[in-house]
Amino acid sequence: MTKKMFYPLMLLIFPLIGTILSDQVDWGILDFLIMGVILLFVGIAIAVVSQKIKHPRKRLFYNFVILLIFFLLWAELAVGIF
């Protein structure tokens, strides 16, 4: 695997800054841990798809499905849409 699979973890910088600077963002250590695990799995899944799938349309479709699942899971954990 490559280091690129860890790039999604850099998105955790935004809630960290929000937690430090504002009282409106209320993330605890468990929130960061859960989102870090989810982002790590997303990064690994996209890296595997990028390495294994050679056809550009199939790769785009699988990456779209991975990101759709991520956003649905994120929305469910954040506000409980289901």
PDB file of N, CA and C in Angstrom:
ATOM      1  N   MET A   1       0.839  -1.185   0.000  1.00  0.00           N
ATOM      2  CA  MET A   1       0.000   0.000   0.000  1.00  0.00           C
ATOM      3  C   MET A   1       0.886   1.250   0.000  1.00  0.00           C
ATOM      4  N   THR A   2       0.257   2.339  -0.354  1.00  0.00           N
ATOM      5  CA  THR A   2       0.988   3.589  -0.434  1.00  0.00           C
ATOM      6  C   THR A   2       0.573   4.530   0.698  1.00  0.00           C
ATOM      7  N   LYS A   3       1.302   5.609   0.798  1.00  0.00           N
ATOM      8  CA  LYS A   3       0.972   6.605   1.811  1.00  0.00           C
ATOM      9  C   LYS A   3      -0.305   7.360   1.472  1.00  0.00           C
ATOM     10  N   LYS A   4      -0.743   7.284   0.220  1.00  0.00           N
ATOM     11  CA  LYS A   4      -1.935   8.008  -0.209  1.00  0.00           C
ATOM     12  C   LYS A   4      -3.181   7.564   0.541  1.00  0.00           C
ATOM     13  N   MET A   5      -3.196   6.359   1.056  1.00  0.00           N
ATOM     14  CA  MET A   5      -4.385   5.881   1.761  1.00  0.00           C
ATOM     15  C   MET A   5      -4.582   6.600   3.088  1.00  0.00           C
ATOM     16  N   PHE A   6      -3.546   7.286   3.579  1.00  0.00           N
ATOM     17  CA  PHE A   6      -3.661   8.035   4.822  1.00  0.00           C
ATOM     18  C   PHE A   6      -4.074   9.490   4.598  1.00  0.00           C
ATOM     19  N   TYR A   7      -4.130   9.943   3.353  1.00  0.00           N
ATOM     20  CA  TYR A   7      -4.491  11.329   3.054  1.00  0.00           C
ATOM     21  C   TYR A   7      -5.876  11.721   3.567  1.00  0.00           C
ATOM     22  N   PRO A   8      -6.900  10.850   3.488  1.00  0.00           N
ATOM     23  CA  PRO A   8      -8.208  11.260   4.028  1.00  0.00           C
ATOM     24  C   PRO A   8      -8.179  11.610   5.520  1.00  0.00           C
ATOM     25  N   LEU A   9      -7.208  11.093   6.255  1.00  0.00           N
ATOM     26  CA  LEU A   9      -7.116  11.418   7.680  1.00  0.00           C
ATOM     27  C   LEU A   9      -6.818  12.892   7.917  1.00  0.00           C
ATOM     28  N   MET A  10      -6.264  13.556   6.908  1.00  0.00           N
ATOM     29  CA  MET A  10      -5.974  14.986   7.056  1.00  0.00           C
ATOM     30  C   MET A  10      -7.254  15.805   7.160  1.00  0.00           C
ATOM     31  N   LEU A  11      -8.394  15.239   6.771  1.00  0.00           N
ATOM     32  CA  LEU A  11      -9.673  15.947   6.911  1.00  0.00           C
ATOM     33  C   LEU A  11     -10.044  16.170   8.372  1.00  0.00           C
ATOM     34  N   LEU A  12      -9.442  15.419   9.280  1.00  0.00           N
ATOM     35  CA  LEU A  12      -9.725  15.591  10.699  1.00  0.00           C
ATOM     36  C   LEU A  12      -9.167  16.905  11.253  1.00  0.00           C
ATOM     37  N   ILE A  13      -8.356  17.587  10.464  1.00  0.00           N
ATOM     38  CA  ILE A  13      -7.821  18.878  10.889  1.00  0.00           C
ATOM     39  C   ILE A  13      -8.945  19.903  11.032  1.00  0.00           C
ATOM     40  N   PHE A  14      -9.951  19.837  10.146  1.00  0.00           N
ATOM     41  CA  PHE A  14     -11.031  20.826  10.176  1.00  0.00           C
ATOM     42  C   PHE A  14     -11.865  20.744  11.458  1.00  0.00           C
ATOM     43  N   PRO A  15     -12.339  19.565  11.879  1.00  0.00           N
ATOM     44  CA  PRO A  15     -13.067  19.550  13.156  1.00  0.00           C
ATOM     45  C   PRO A  15     -12.163  19.849  14.355  1.00  0.00           C
ATOM     46  N   LEU A  16     -10.879  19.519  14.248  1.00  0.00           N
ATOM     47  CA  LEU A  16      -9.953  19.839  15.336  1.00  0.00           C
ATOM     48  C   LEU A  16      -9.835  21.349  15.505  1.00  0.00           C
ATOM     49  N   ILE A  17      -9.673  22.056  14.401  1.00  0.00           N
ATOM     50  CA  ILE A  17      -9.599  23.517  14.464  1.00  0.00           C
ATOM     51  C   ILE A  17     -10.916  24.087  14.970  1.00  0.00           C
ATOM     52  N   GLY A  18     -12.037  23.524  14.494  1.00  0.00           N
ATOM     53  CA  GLY A  18     -13.330  23.991  14.954  1.00  0.00           C
ATOM     54  C   GLY A  18     -13.547  23.748  16.434  1.00  0.00           C
ATOM     55  N   THR A  19     -13.076  22.620  16.939  1.00  0.00           N
ATOM     56  CA  THR A  19     -13.207  22.312  18.362  1.00  0.00           C
ATOM     57  C   THR A  19     -12.362  23.251  19.204  1.00  0.00           C
ATOM     58  N   ILE A  20     -11.187  23.599  18.709  1.00  0.00           N
ATOM     59  CA  ILE A  20     -10.295  24.491  19.452  1.00  0.00           C
ATOM     60  C   ILE A  20     -10.813  25.926  19.455  1.00  0.00           C
ATOM     61  N   LEU A  21     -11.309  26.392  18.316  1.00  0.00           N
ATOM     62  CA  LEU A  21     -11.657  27.802  18.172  1.00  0.00           C
ATOM     63  C   LEU A  21     -13.099  28.148  18.531  1.00  0.00           C
ATOM     64  N   SER A  22     -13.996  27.166  18.557  1.00  0.00           N
ATOM     65  CA  SER A  22     -15.408  27.485  18.733  1.00  0.00           C
ATOM     66  C   SER A  22     -16.060  26.533  19.737  1.00  0.00           C
ATOM     67  N   ASP A  23     -17.077  27.040  20.388  1.00  0.00           N
ATOM     68  CA  ASP A  23     -17.862  26.193  21.286  1.00  0.00           C
ATOM     69  C   ASP A  23     -18.955  25.448  20.532  1.00  0.00           C
ATOM     70  N   GLN A  24     -19.214  25.798  19.282  1.00  0.00           N
ATOM     71  CA  GLN A  24     -20.266  25.165  18.502  1.00  0.00           C
ATOM     72  C   GLN A  24     -19.860  23.788  17.987  1.00  0.00           C
ATOM     73  N   VAL A  25     -18.590  23.558  17.818  1.00  0.00           N
ATOM     74  CA  VAL A  25     -18.099  22.243  17.402  1.00  0.00           C
ATOM     75  C   VAL A  25     -17.690  21.505  18.665  1.00  0.00           C
ATOM     76  N   ASP A  26     -18.402  20.436  18.969  1.00  0.00           N
ATOM     77  CA  ASP A  26     -18.191  19.726  20.228  1.00  0.00           C
ATOM     78  C   ASP A  26     -17.806  18.274  19.940  1.00  0.00           C
ATOM     79  N   TRP A  27     -16.586  18.066  19.477  1.00  0.00           N
ATOM     80  CA  TRP A  27     -16.094  16.724  19.203  1.00  0.00           C
ATOM     81  C   TRP A  27     -15.253  16.262  20.385  1.00  0.00           C
ATOM     82  N   GLY A  28     -15.481  15.029  20.796  1.00  0.00           N
ATOM     83  CA  GLY A  28     -14.657  14.413  21.826  1.00  0.00           C
ATOM     84  C   GLY A  28     -13.637  13.489  21.193  1.00  0.00           C
ATOM     85  N   ILE A  29     -12.849  12.867  22.025  1.00  0.00           N
ATOM     86  CA  ILE A  29     -11.809  11.965  21.522  1.00  0.00           C
ATOM     87  C   ILE A  29     -12.417  10.761  20.800  1.00  0.00           C
ATOM     88  N   LEU A  30     -13.567  10.291  21.277  1.00  0.00           N
ATOM     89  CA  LEU A  30     -14.227   9.156  20.630  1.00  0.00           C
ATOM     90  C   LEU A  30     -14.716   9.532  19.233  1.00  0.00           C
ATOM     91  N   ASP A  31     -15.188  10.757  19.065  1.00  0.00           N
ATOM     92  CA  ASP A  31     -15.619  11.229  17.746  1.00  0.00           C
ATOM     93  C   ASP A  31     -14.452  11.223  16.757  1.00  0.00           C
ATOM     94  N   PHE A  32     -13.302  11.726  17.199  1.00  0.00           N
ATOM     95  CA  PHE A  32     -12.120  11.734  16.337  1.00  0.00           C
ATOM     96  C   PHE A  32     -11.655  10.308  16.026  1.00  0.00           C
ATOM     97  N   LEU A  33     -11.722   9.437  17.002  1.00  0.00           N
ATOM     98  CA  LEU A  33     -11.298   8.054  16.798  1.00  0.00           C
ATOM     99  C   LEU A  33     -12.203   7.341  15.791  1.00  0.00           C
ATOM    100  N   ILE A  34     -13.503   7.484  15.954  1.00  0.00           N
ATOM    101  CA  ILE A  34     -14.437   6.821  15.040  1.00  0.00           C
ATOM    102  C   ILE A  34     -14.295   7.374  13.628  1.00  0.00           C
ATOM    103  N   MET A  35     -14.241   8.684  13.490  1.00  0.00           N
ATOM    104  CA  MET A  35     -14.093   9.260  12.156  1.00  0.00           C
ATOM    105  C   MET A  35     -12.734   8.920  11.554  1.00  0.00           C
ATOM    106  N   GLY A  36     -11.699   8.827  12.381  1.00  0.00           N
ATOM    107  CA  GLY A  36     -10.391   8.424  11.876  1.00  0.00           C
ATOM    108  C   GLY A  36     -10.405   7.013  11.327  1.00  0.00           C
ATOM    109  N   VAL A  37     -11.075   6.099  12.014  1.00  0.00           N
ATOM    110  CA  VAL A  37     -11.175   4.720  11.537  1.00  0.00           C
ATOM    111  C   VAL A  37     -11.962   4.664  10.237  1.00  0.00           C
ATOM    112  N   ILE A  38     -13.069   5.400  10.171  1.00  0.00           N
ATOM    113  CA  ILE A  38     -13.879   5.418   8.950  1.00  0.00           C
ATOM    114  C   ILE A  38     -13.081   5.997   7.783  1.00  0.00           C
ATOM    115  N   LEU A  39     -12.389   7.105   8.015  1.00  0.00           N
ATOM    116  CA  LEU A  39     -11.591   7.712   6.952  1.00  0.00           C
ATOM    117  C   LEU A  39     -10.434   6.818   6.526  1.00  0.00           C
ATOM    118  N   LEU A  40      -9.859   6.095   7.467  1.00  0.00           N
ATOM    119  CA  LEU A  40      -8.787   5.167   7.120  1.00  0.00           C
ATOM    120  C   LEU A  40      -9.314   4.045   6.226  1.00  0.00           C
ATOM    121  N   PHE A  41     -10.493   3.513   6.547  1.00  0.00           N
ATOM    122  CA  PHE A  41     -11.083   2.474   5.706  1.00  0.00           C
ATOM    123  C   PHE A  41     -11.433   3.011   4.316  1.00  0.00           C
ATOM    124  N   VAL A  42     -11.902   4.248   4.246  1.00  0.00           N
ATOM    125  CA  VAL A  42     -12.196   4.860   2.951  1.00  0.00           C
ATOM    126  C   VAL A  42     -10.907   5.002   2.138  1.00  0.00           C
ATOM    127  N   GLY A  43      -9.849   5.464   2.773  1.00  0.00           N
ATOM    128  CA  GLY A  43      -8.572   5.600   2.078  1.00  0.00           C
ATOM    129  C   GLY A  43      -8.026   4.276   1.585  1.00  0.00           C
ATOM    130  N   ILE A  44      -8.127   3.238   2.411  1.00  0.00           N
ATOM    131  CA  ILE A  44      -7.663   1.914   2.006  1.00  0.00           C
ATOM    132  C   ILE A  44      -8.500   1.379   0.854  1.00  0.00           C
ATOM    133  N   ALA A  45      -9.824   1.548   0.949  1.00  0.00           N
ATOM    134  CA  ALA A  45     -10.710   1.046  -0.108  1.00  0.00           C
ATOM    135  C   ALA A  45     -10.437   1.743  -1.433  1.00  0.00           C
ATOM    136  N   ILE A  46     -10.249   3.052  -1.406  1.00  0.00           N
ATOM    137  CA  ILE A  46      -9.963   3.778  -2.648  1.00  0.00           C
ATOM    138  C   ILE A  46      -8.596   3.387  -3.200  1.00  0.00           C
ATOM    139  N   ALA A  47      -7.617   3.161  -2.329  1.00  0.00           N
ATOM    140  CA  ALA A  47      -6.288   2.736  -2.789  1.00  0.00           C
ATOM    141  C   ALA A  47      -6.359   1.354  -3.433  1.00  0.00           C
ATOM    142  N   VAL A  48      -7.128   0.447  -2.836  1.00  0.00           N
ATOM    143  CA  VAL A  48      -7.265  -0.902  -3.403  1.00  0.00           C
ATOM    144  C   VAL A  48      -7.962  -0.834  -4.751  1.00  0.00           C
ATOM    145  N   VAL A  49      -9.035  -0.056  -4.846  1.00  0.00           N
ATOM    146  CA  VAL A  49      -9.748   0.080  -6.115  1.00  0.00           C
ATOM    147  C   VAL A  49      -8.830   0.686  -7.166  1.00  0.00           C
ATOM    148  N   SER A  50      -8.048   1.680  -6.791  1.00  0.00           N
ATOM    149  CA  SER A  50      -7.147   2.319  -7.752  1.00  0.00           C
ATOM    150  C   SER A  50      -6.076   1.369  -8.257  1.00  0.00           C
ATOM    151  N   GLN A  51      -5.648   0.434  -7.414  1.00  0.00           N
ATOM    152  CA  GLN A  51      -4.615  -0.519  -7.828  1.00  0.00           C
ATOM    153  C   GLN A  51      -5.182  -1.691  -8.610  1.00  0.00           C
ATOM    154  N   LYS A  52      -6.346  -2.168  -8.227  1.00  0.00           N
ATOM    155  CA  LYS A  52      -6.884  -3.404  -8.809  1.00  0.00           C
ATOM    156  C   LYS A  52      -7.711  -3.181 -10.066  1.00  0.00           C
ATOM    157  N   ILE A  53      -8.463  -2.103 -10.129  1.00  0.00           N
ATOM    158  CA  ILE A  53      -9.367  -1.856 -11.251  1.00  0.00           C
ATOM    159  C   ILE A  53      -8.658  -0.973 -12.267  1.00  0.00           C
ATOM    160  N   LYS A  54      -8.514  -1.475 -13.475  1.00  0.00           N
ATOM    161  CA  LYS A  54      -7.786  -0.733 -14.505  1.00  0.00           C
ATOM    162  C   LYS A  54      -8.710   0.067 -15.417  1.00  0.00           C
ATOM    163  N   HIS A  55      -9.946  -0.356 -15.572  1.00  0.00           N
ATOM    164  CA  HIS A  55     -10.874   0.342 -16.447  1.00  0.00           C
ATOM    165  C   HIS A  55     -11.342   1.628 -15.761  1.00  0.00           C
ATOM    166  N   PRO A  56     -11.161   2.791 -16.417  1.00  0.00           N
ATOM    167  CA  PRO A  56     -11.451   4.076 -15.756  1.00  0.00           C
ATOM    168  C   PRO A  56     -12.911   4.230 -15.304  1.00  0.00           C
ATOM    169  N   ARG A  57     -13.856   3.779 -16.102  1.00  0.00           N
ATOM    170  CA  ARG A  57     -15.268   3.936 -15.721  1.00  0.00           C
ATOM    171  C   ARG A  57     -15.621   3.070 -14.517  1.00  0.00           C
ATOM    172  N   LYS A  58     -15.102   1.847 -14.491  1.00  0.00           N
ATOM    173  CA  LYS A  58     -15.367   0.973 -13.345  1.00  0.00           C
ATOM    174  C   LYS A  58     -14.728   1.551 -12.079  1.00  0.00           C
ATOM    175  N   ARG A  59     -13.504   2.056 -12.220  1.00  0.00           N
ATOM    176  CA  ARG A  59     -12.813   2.654 -11.080  1.00  0.00           C
ATOM    177  C   ARG A  59     -13.580   3.861 -10.550  1.00  0.00           C
ATOM    178  N   LEU A  60     -14.078   4.698 -11.459  1.00  0.00           N
ATOM    179  CA  LEU A  60     -14.873   5.858 -11.062  1.00  0.00           C
ATOM    180  C   LEU A  60     -16.157   5.418 -10.358  1.00  0.00           C
ATOM    181  N   PHE A  61     -16.816   4.392 -10.885  1.00  0.00           N
ATOM    182  CA  PHE A  61     -18.051   3.892 -10.268  1.00  0.00           C
ATOM    183  C   PHE A  61     -17.787   3.361  -8.865  1.00  0.00           C
ATOM    184  N   TYR A  62     -16.755   2.549  -8.705  1.00  0.00           N
ATOM    185  CA  TYR A  62     -16.460   1.985  -7.389  1.00  0.00           C
ATOM    186  C   TYR A  62     -16.047   3.062  -6.385  1.00  0.00           C
ATOM    187  N   ASN A  63     -15.279   4.040  -6.836  1.00  0.00           N
ATOM    188  CA  ASN A  63     -14.919   5.145  -5.949  1.00  0.00           C
ATOM    189  C   ASN A  63     -16.152   5.954  -5.562  1.00  0.00           C
ATOM    190  N   PHE A  64     -17.071   6.147  -6.498  1.00  0.00           N
ATOM    191  CA  PHE A  64     -18.322   6.832  -6.187  1.00  0.00           C
ATOM    192  C   PHE A  64     -19.129   6.067  -5.143  1.00  0.00           C
ATOM    193  N   VAL A  65     -19.199   4.752  -5.281  1.00  0.00           N
ATOM    194  CA  VAL A  65     -19.936   3.926  -4.317  1.00  0.00           C
ATOM    195  C   VAL A  65     -19.283   4.008  -2.935  1.00  0.00           C
ATOM    196  N   ILE A  66     -17.971   3.955  -2.891  1.00  0.00           N
ATOM    197  CA  ILE A  66     -17.252   4.060  -1.613  1.00  0.00           C
ATOM    198  C   ILE A  66     -17.553   5.398  -0.947  1.00  0.00           C
ATOM    199  N   LEU A  67     -17.479   6.483  -1.708  1.00  0.00           N
ATOM    200  CA  LEU A  67     -17.748   7.809  -1.149  1.00  0.00           C
ATOM    201  C   LEU A  67     -19.217   7.979  -0.762  1.00  0.00           C
ATOM    202  N   LEU A  68     -20.125   7.387  -1.528  1.00  0.00           N
ATOM    203  CA  LEU A  68     -21.546   7.452  -1.176  1.00  0.00           C
ATOM    204  C   LEU A  68     -21.810   6.738   0.145  1.00  0.00           C
ATOM    205  N   ILE A  69     -21.226   5.566   0.318  1.00  0.00           N
ATOM    206  CA  ILE A  69     -21.378   4.837   1.583  1.00  0.00           C
ATOM    207  C   ILE A  69     -20.782   5.648   2.726  1.00  0.00           C
ATOM    208  N   PHE A  70     -19.622   6.271   2.493  1.00  0.00           N
ATOM    209  CA  PHE A  70     -19.005   7.099   3.526  1.00  0.00           C
ATOM    210  C   PHE A  70     -19.919   8.248   3.927  1.00  0.00           C
ATOM    211  N   PHE A  71     -20.465   8.976   2.947  1.00  0.00           N
ATOM    212  CA  PHE A  71     -21.310  10.124   3.270  1.00  0.00           C
ATOM    213  C   PHE A  71     -22.609   9.708   3.952  1.00  0.00           C
ATOM    214  N   LEU A  72     -23.184   8.579   3.551  1.00  0.00           N
ATOM    215  CA  LEU A  72     -24.395   8.093   4.227  1.00  0.00           C
ATOM    216  C   LEU A  72     -24.094   7.694   5.670  1.00  0.00           C
ATOM    217  N   LEU A  73     -22.968   7.028   5.881  1.00  0.00           N
ATOM    218  CA  LEU A  73     -22.576   6.639   7.233  1.00  0.00           C
ATOM    219  C   LEU A  73     -22.283   7.870   8.085  1.00  0.00           C
ATOM    220  N   TRP A  74     -21.612   8.849   7.513  1.00  0.00           N
ATOM    221  CA  TRP A  74     -21.301  10.092   8.212  1.00  0.00           C
ATOM    222  C   TRP A  74     -22.580  10.828   8.612  1.00  0.00           C
ATOM    223  N   ALA A  75     -23.521  10.929   7.680  1.00  0.00           N
ATOM    224  CA  ALA A  75     -24.779  11.608   7.973  1.00  0.00           C
ATOM    225  C   ALA A  75     -25.562  10.866   9.055  1.00  0.00           C
ATOM    226  N   GLU A  76     -25.552   9.548   9.016  1.00  0.00           N
ATOM    227  CA  GLU A  76     -26.255   8.763  10.035  1.00  0.00           C
ATOM    228  C   GLU A  76     -25.622   8.962  11.412  1.00  0.00           C
ATOM    229  N   LEU A  77     -24.321   8.950  11.476  1.00  0.00           N
ATOM    230  CA  LEU A  77     -23.656   9.145  12.764  1.00  0.00           C
ATOM    231  C   LEU A  77     -23.807  10.585  13.266  1.00  0.00           C
ATOM    232  N   ALA A  78     -23.860  11.539  12.358  1.00  0.00           N
ATOM    233  CA  ALA A  78     -23.946  12.939  12.774  1.00  0.00           C
ATOM    234  C   ALA A  78     -25.335  13.322  13.269  1.00  0.00           C
ATOM    235  N   VAL A  79     -26.369  12.997  12.484  1.00  0.00           N
ATOM    236  CA  VAL A  79     -27.707  13.470  12.841  1.00  0.00           C
ATOM    237  C   VAL A  79     -28.758  12.384  12.861  1.00  0.00           C
ATOM    238  N   GLY A  80     -28.435  11.172  12.446  1.00  0.00           N
ATOM    239  CA  GLY A  80     -29.408  10.092  12.465  1.00  0.00           C
ATOM    240  C   GLY A  80     -30.497  10.252  11.436  1.00  0.00           C
ATOM    241  N   ILE A  81     -30.146  10.275  10.150  1.00  0.00           N
ATOM    242  CA  ILE A  81     -31.140  10.509   9.104  1.00  0.00           C
ATOM    243  C   ILE A  81     -32.006   9.292   8.807  1.00  0.00           C
ATOM    244  N   PHE A  82     -31.607   8.118   9.239  1.00  0.00           N
ATOM    245  CA  PHE A  82     -32.400   6.919   8.949  1.00  0.00           C
ATOM    246  C   PHE A  82     -33.186   6.470  10.138  1.00  0.00           C
TER     247      PHE A  82
END
